[in-house]
Amino acid sequence: MIISKLYGKRVESTSGKKGYVLSVNGGAGRLECIACADMDENEFTIDFRDVVSIGDKIVYEDRTTAMKNAKPIKIGLASFDDEGNFLGTVEDYNFNGTKLISAKIGKKNYPAENLVWGDVIIVKREKRLTQNVVKDGKILFKKGTAVTGELMEKAAQHGEYVQTNLKSI
């Protein structure tokens, strides 16, 4: 990376905040942050660990705004299925690093992609395949398999994303 090419470069956060580079700052032989200004000349700093990509512009994750907007993760929230049936209260959450994987409600774990938060948690019904997904005469996914993000990624890799999605309706 040529540092001189970063000066004056446009920056944009993943949340839409825009500006340009004033200086590149470092310490102890490594890059630390980029000092920037927005279009109203208000200065702000971007930690180099938050930089997502550098190209025509520098794209960064706006961690400061994300932390200001962060809310407590509440245990004990009432939970209902999408038909209004009470499922219990949230007992715990399961994370992989910083990504939410599931919530334990009562004695059952529900995948994060099926949860909708508000004053309570609504658990969307898990979509399942209503038919086998077949490619070249071979069954890729069997009827009754839960349709998850991971399954849809596998379907896309096999070129059967649309078929898999349609067979879950």
C-alpha atoms as a PDB file:
ATOM      1  CA  MET A   1       0.000   0.000   0.000  1.00  0.00           C
ATOM      2  CA  ILE A   2       1.378   3.383  -1.002  1.00  0.00           C
ATOM      3  CA  ILE A   3       0.460   5.820   1.783  1.00  0.00           C
ATOM      4  CA  SER A   4       0.716   8.942  -0.390  1.00  0.00           C
ATOM      5  CA  LYS A   5      -2.175   7.645  -2.515  1.00  0.00           C
ATOM      6  CA  LEU A   6      -4.481   7.655   0.532  1.00  0.00           C
ATOM      7  CA  TYR A   7      -4.273  11.422   1.209  1.00  0.00           C
ATOM      8  CA  GLY A   8      -7.402  13.178  -0.064  1.00  0.00           C
ATOM      9  CA  LYS A   9      -9.079   9.848  -0.936  1.00  0.00           C
ATOM     10  CA  ARG A  10     -12.829   9.633  -0.319  1.00  0.00           C
ATOM     11  CA  VAL A  11     -13.987   7.523   2.637  1.00  0.00           C
ATOM     12  CA  GLU A  12     -17.410   6.005   3.183  1.00  0.00           C
ATOM     13  CA  SER A  13     -18.735   3.951   6.062  1.00  0.00           C
ATOM     14  CA  THR A  14     -20.910   0.898   5.660  1.00  0.00           C
ATOM     15  CA  SER A  15     -23.657   3.040   7.238  1.00  0.00           C
ATOM     16  CA  GLY A  16     -23.267   5.837   4.645  1.00  0.00           C
ATOM     17  CA  LYS A  17     -21.114   8.437   6.460  1.00  0.00           C
ATOM     18  CA  LYS A  18     -18.824  10.151   3.910  1.00  0.00           C
ATOM     19  CA  GLY A  19     -15.701  12.265   3.995  1.00  0.00           C
ATOM     20  CA  TYR A  20     -12.082  12.382   2.861  1.00  0.00           C
ATOM     21  CA  VAL A  21      -8.621  11.563   4.251  1.00  0.00           C
ATOM     22  CA  LEU A  22      -6.624  14.316   5.986  1.00  0.00           C
ATOM     23  CA  SER A  23      -3.747  12.186   7.286  1.00  0.00           C
ATOM     24  CA  VAL A  24      -2.577   8.629   7.820  1.00  0.00           C
ATOM     25  CA  ASN A  25      -1.327   7.998  11.369  1.00  0.00           C
ATOM     26  CA  GLY A  26       0.850   5.277  12.780  1.00  0.00           C
ATOM     27  CA  GLY A  27       2.967   4.247  15.711  1.00  0.00           C
ATOM     28  CA  ALA A  28       5.428   1.518  16.647  1.00  0.00           C
ATOM     29  CA  GLY A  29       6.048   0.758  12.967  1.00  0.00           C
ATOM     30  CA  ARG A  30       2.444   0.083  11.991  1.00  0.00           C
ATOM     31  CA  LEU A  31      -0.616   1.918  10.699  1.00  0.00           C
ATOM     32  CA  GLU A  32      -3.062   2.881  13.442  1.00  0.00           C
ATOM     33  CA  CYS A  33      -5.738   5.194  12.053  1.00  0.00           C
ATOM     34  CA  ILE A  34      -6.804   7.622   9.346  1.00  0.00           C
ATOM     35  CA  ALA A  35      -7.751  11.176  10.288  1.00  0.00           C
ATOM     36  CA  CYS A  36     -10.639  12.362   8.107  1.00  0.00           C
ATOM     37  CA  ALA A  37     -13.128  15.181   7.694  1.00  0.00           C
ATOM     38  CA  ASP A  38     -16.728  15.094   6.514  1.00  0.00           C
ATOM     39  CA  MET A  39     -18.152  17.549   3.981  1.00  0.00           C
ATOM     40  CA  ASP A  40     -18.900  20.047   6.806  1.00  0.00           C
ATOM     41  CA  GLU A  41     -15.216  19.902   7.869  1.00  0.00           C
ATOM     42  CA  ASN A  42     -16.011  17.978  11.083  1.00  0.00           C
ATOM     43  CA  GLU A  43     -13.022  15.778  11.823  1.00  0.00           C
ATOM     44  CA  PHE A  44     -13.253  12.094  12.720  1.00  0.00           C
ATOM     45  CA  THR A  45     -10.893   9.145  12.973  1.00  0.00           C
ATOM     46  CA  ILE A  46     -11.058   5.676  11.419  1.00  0.00           C
ATOM     47  CA  ASP A  47      -9.211   2.830  13.140  1.00  0.00           C
ATOM     48  CA  PHE A  48      -7.281   0.845  10.505  1.00  0.00           C
ATOM     49  CA  ARG A  49      -8.801  -2.358  11.935  1.00  0.00           C
ATOM     50  CA  ASP A  50     -12.207  -1.089  10.746  1.00  0.00           C
ATOM     51  CA  VAL A  51     -11.146  -0.613   7.097  1.00  0.00           C
ATOM     52  CA  VAL A  52     -13.100  -3.034   4.906  1.00  0.00           C
ATOM     53  CA  SER A  53     -11.561  -2.173   1.514  1.00  0.00           C
ATOM     54  CA  ILE A  54      -9.331   0.345  -0.214  1.00  0.00           C
ATOM     55  CA  GLY A  55     -10.039   1.104  -3.877  1.00  0.00           C
ATOM     56  CA  ASP A  56     -11.455   4.219  -5.544  1.00  0.00           C
ATOM     57  CA  LYS A  57     -12.588   5.047  -2.026  1.00  0.00           C
ATOM     58  CA  ILE A  58     -11.869   3.673   1.422  1.00  0.00           C
ATOM     59  CA  VAL A  59     -14.811   1.712   2.825  1.00  0.00           C
ATOM     60  CA  TYR A  60     -14.860   1.240   6.574  1.00  0.00           C
ATOM     61  CA  GLU A  61     -17.116  -0.172   9.246  1.00  0.00           C
ATOM     62  CA  ASP A  62     -18.329   2.693  11.428  1.00  0.00           C
ATOM     63  CA  ARG A  63     -17.663   1.044  14.801  1.00  0.00           C
ATOM     64  CA  THR A  64     -18.126   4.289  16.756  1.00  0.00           C
ATOM     65  CA  THR A  65     -21.684   4.747  15.476  1.00  0.00           C
ATOM     66  CA  ALA A  66     -22.370   1.025  15.878  1.00  0.00           C
ATOM     67  CA  MET A  67     -21.251   1.141  19.517  1.00  0.00           C
ATOM     68  CA  LYS A  68     -23.350   4.253  20.215  1.00  0.00           C
ATOM     69  CA  ASN A  69     -26.411   2.524  18.702  1.00  0.00           C
ATOM     70  CA  ALA A  70     -25.773  -0.799  20.464  1.00  0.00           C
ATOM     71  CA  LYS A  71     -28.406  -1.937  22.950  1.00  0.00           C
ATOM     72  CA  PRO A  72     -28.225  -4.377  25.862  1.00  0.00           C
ATOM     73  CA  ILE A  73     -28.819  -7.998  24.926  1.00  0.00           C
ATOM     74  CA  LYS A  74     -31.670  -8.942  27.233  1.00  0.00           C
ATOM     75  CA  ILE A  75     -32.128 -12.332  28.775  1.00  0.00           C
ATOM     76  CA  GLY A  76     -35.647 -13.154  29.983  1.00  0.00           C
ATOM     77  CA  LEU A  77     -37.570 -11.682  27.043  1.00  0.00           C
ATOM     78  CA  ALA A  78     -40.913 -13.353  26.372  1.00  0.00           C
ATOM     79  CA  SER A  79     -40.905 -15.311  23.121  1.00  0.00           C
ATOM     80  CA  PHE A  80     -43.730 -16.310  20.800  1.00  0.00           C
ATOM     81  CA  ASP A  81     -43.950 -18.223  17.544  1.00  0.00           C
ATOM     82  CA  ASP A  82     -45.359 -16.503  14.454  1.00  0.00           C
ATOM     83  CA  GLU A  83     -48.837 -17.830  15.307  1.00  0.00           C
ATOM     84  CA  GLY A  84     -48.815 -16.140  18.747  1.00  0.00           C
ATOM     85  CA  ASN A  85     -48.123 -19.207  20.877  1.00  0.00           C
ATOM     86  CA  PHE A  86     -45.963 -18.541  23.943  1.00  0.00           C
ATOM     87  CA  LEU A  87     -42.657 -20.450  23.698  1.00  0.00           C
ATOM     88  CA  GLY A  88     -41.058 -19.330  26.957  1.00  0.00           C
ATOM     89  CA  THR A  89     -38.443 -16.777  27.890  1.00  0.00           C
ATOM     90  CA  VAL A  90     -34.913 -16.348  26.565  1.00  0.00           C
ATOM     91  CA  GLU A  91     -32.502 -18.161  28.832  1.00  0.00           C
ATOM     92  CA  ASP A  92     -29.284 -17.504  26.903  1.00  0.00           C
ATOM     93  CA  TYR A  93     -27.684 -16.679  23.551  1.00  0.00           C
ATOM     94  CA  ASN A  94     -25.033 -18.591  21.616  1.00  0.00           C
ATOM     95  CA  PHE A  95     -22.393 -16.561  19.734  1.00  0.00           C
ATOM     96  CA  ASN A  96     -19.583 -17.612  17.404  1.00  0.00           C
ATOM     97  CA  GLY A  97     -17.120 -14.801  18.003  1.00  0.00           C
ATOM     98  CA  THR A  98     -19.328 -11.723  17.668  1.00  0.00           C
ATOM     99  CA  LYS A  99     -21.989 -13.315  15.450  1.00  0.00           C
ATOM    100  CA  LEU A 100     -25.244 -14.502  17.025  1.00  0.00           C
ATOM    101  CA  ILE A 101     -25.865 -18.154  16.195  1.00  0.00           C
ATOM    102  CA  SER A 102     -28.937 -19.022  18.269  1.00  0.00           C
ATOM    103  CA  ALA A 103     -31.091 -18.196  21.283  1.00  0.00           C
ATOM    104  CA  LYS A 104     -32.068 -20.726  23.937  1.00  0.00           C
ATOM    105  CA  ILE A 105     -35.767 -20.291  24.633  1.00  0.00           C
ATOM    106  CA  GLY A 106     -37.115 -22.714  27.180  1.00  0.00           C
ATOM    107  CA  LYS A 107     -35.275 -25.963  26.475  1.00  0.00           C
ATOM    108  CA  LYS A 108     -34.882 -25.434  22.724  1.00  0.00           C
ATOM    109  CA  ASN A 109     -32.321 -23.506  20.651  1.00  0.00           C
ATOM    110  CA  TYR A 110     -33.652 -21.396  17.780  1.00  0.00           C
ATOM    111  CA  PRO A 111     -31.356 -20.249  14.932  1.00  0.00           C
ATOM    112  CA  ALA A 112     -30.678 -16.491  14.768  1.00  0.00           C
ATOM    113  CA  GLU A 113     -32.068 -16.162  11.245  1.00  0.00           C
ATOM    114  CA  ASN A 114     -35.504 -17.199  12.591  1.00  0.00           C
ATOM    115  CA  LEU A 115     -35.630 -14.540  15.335  1.00  0.00           C
ATOM    116  CA  VAL A 116     -37.220 -11.086  15.183  1.00  0.00           C
ATOM    117  CA  TRP A 117     -36.534  -8.689  18.080  1.00  0.00           C
ATOM    118  CA  GLY A 118     -38.749  -6.058  19.634  1.00  0.00           C
ATOM    119  CA  ASP A 119     -40.335  -5.833  23.076  1.00  0.00           C
ATOM    120  CA  VAL A 120     -40.613  -9.611  22.723  1.00  0.00           C
ATOM    121  CA  ILE A 121     -38.956 -12.118  20.423  1.00  0.00           C
ATOM    122  CA  ILE A 122     -40.955 -13.623  17.587  1.00  0.00           C
ATOM    123  CA  VAL A 123     -39.654 -16.949  16.310  1.00  0.00           C
ATOM    124  CA  LYS A 124     -40.450 -17.385  12.638  1.00  0.00           C
ATOM    125  CA  ARG A 125     -41.420 -20.860  11.584  1.00  0.00           C
ATOM    126  CA  GLU A 126     -38.483 -22.783  10.230  1.00  0.00           C
ATOM    127  CA  LYS A 127     -38.851 -23.323   6.499  1.00  0.00           C
ATOM    128  CA  ARG A 128     -38.436 -26.912   5.359  1.00  0.00           C
ATOM    129  CA  LEU A 129     -38.166 -28.459   1.924  1.00  0.00           C
ATOM    130  CA  THR A 130     -41.511 -29.743   0.695  1.00  0.00           C
ATOM    131  CA  GLN A 131     -39.858 -31.825  -2.047  1.00  0.00           C
ATOM    132  CA  ASN A 132     -36.438 -33.331  -2.760  1.00  0.00           C
ATOM    133  CA  VAL A 133     -33.976 -31.036  -4.544  1.00  0.00           C
ATOM    134  CA  VAL A 134     -32.623 -33.054  -7.478  1.00  0.00           C
ATOM    135  CA  LYS A 135     -29.754 -32.332  -9.864  1.00  0.00           C
ATOM    136  CA  ASP A 136     -28.695 -34.700 -12.650  1.00  0.00           C
ATOM    137  CA  GLY A 137     -30.870 -37.469 -11.178  1.00  0.00           C
ATOM    138  CA  LYS A 138     -29.199 -37.259  -7.757  1.00  0.00           C
ATOM    139  CA  ILE A 139     -30.876 -35.957  -4.617  1.00  0.00           C
ATOM    140  CA  LEU A 140     -28.941 -32.969  -3.268  1.00  0.00           C
ATOM    141  CA  PHE A 141     -31.259 -32.231  -0.338  1.00  0.00           C
ATOM    142  CA  LYS A 142     -34.029 -34.429   1.030  1.00  0.00           C
ATOM    143  CA  LYS A 143     -37.626 -33.429   1.659  1.00  0.00           C
ATOM    144  CA  GLY A 144     -38.077 -32.140   5.215  1.00  0.00           C
ATOM    145  CA  THR A 145     -34.579 -30.635   5.500  1.00  0.00           C
ATOM    146  CA  ALA A 146     -34.545 -27.273   7.305  1.00  0.00           C
ATOM    147  CA  VAL A 147     -33.824 -24.382   4.925  1.00  0.00           C
ATOM    148  CA  THR A 148     -31.003 -22.431   6.569  1.00  0.00           C
ATOM    149  CA  GLY A 149     -28.515 -19.889   5.294  1.00  0.00           C
ATOM    150  CA  GLU A 150     -25.908 -22.640   5.164  1.00  0.00           C
ATOM    151  CA  LEU A 151     -28.182 -24.877   3.062  1.00  0.00           C
ATOM    152  CA  MET A 152     -28.906 -22.026   0.650  1.00  0.00           C
ATOM    153  CA  GLU A 153     -25.147 -21.381   0.265  1.00  0.00           C
ATOM    154  CA  LYS A 154     -24.632 -25.054  -0.598  1.00  0.00           C
ATOM    155  CA  ALA A 155     -27.530 -24.863  -3.054  1.00  0.00           C
ATOM    156  CA  ALA A 156     -25.968 -21.817  -4.732  1.00  0.00           C
ATOM    157  CA  GLN A 157     -22.632 -23.655  -5.027  1.00  0.00           C
ATOM    158  CA  HIS A 158     -24.436 -26.493  -6.834  1.00  0.00           C
ATOM    159  CA  GLY A 159     -26.347 -24.035  -9.050  1.00  0.00           C
ATOM    160  CA  GLU A 160     -29.699 -24.977  -7.483  1.00  0.00           C
ATOM    161  CA  TYR A 161     -30.472 -21.908  -5.367  1.00  0.00           C
ATOM    162  CA  VAL A 162     -33.770 -21.120  -7.126  1.00  0.00           C
ATOM    163  CA  GLN A 163     -34.988 -24.738  -7.128  1.00  0.00           C
ATOM    164  CA  THR A 164     -34.172 -25.069  -3.406  1.00  0.00           C
ATOM    165  CA  ASN A 165     -35.902 -21.801  -2.560  1.00  0.00           C
ATOM    166  CA  LEU A 166     -39.014 -22.693  -4.563  1.00  0.00           C
ATOM    167  CA  LYS A 167     -39.268 -26.149  -3.002  1.00  0.00           C
ATOM    168  CA  SER A 168     -39.461 -24.602   0.458  1.00  0.00           C
ATOM    169  CA  ILE A 169     -42.656 -22.664  -0.289  1.00  0.00           C
END
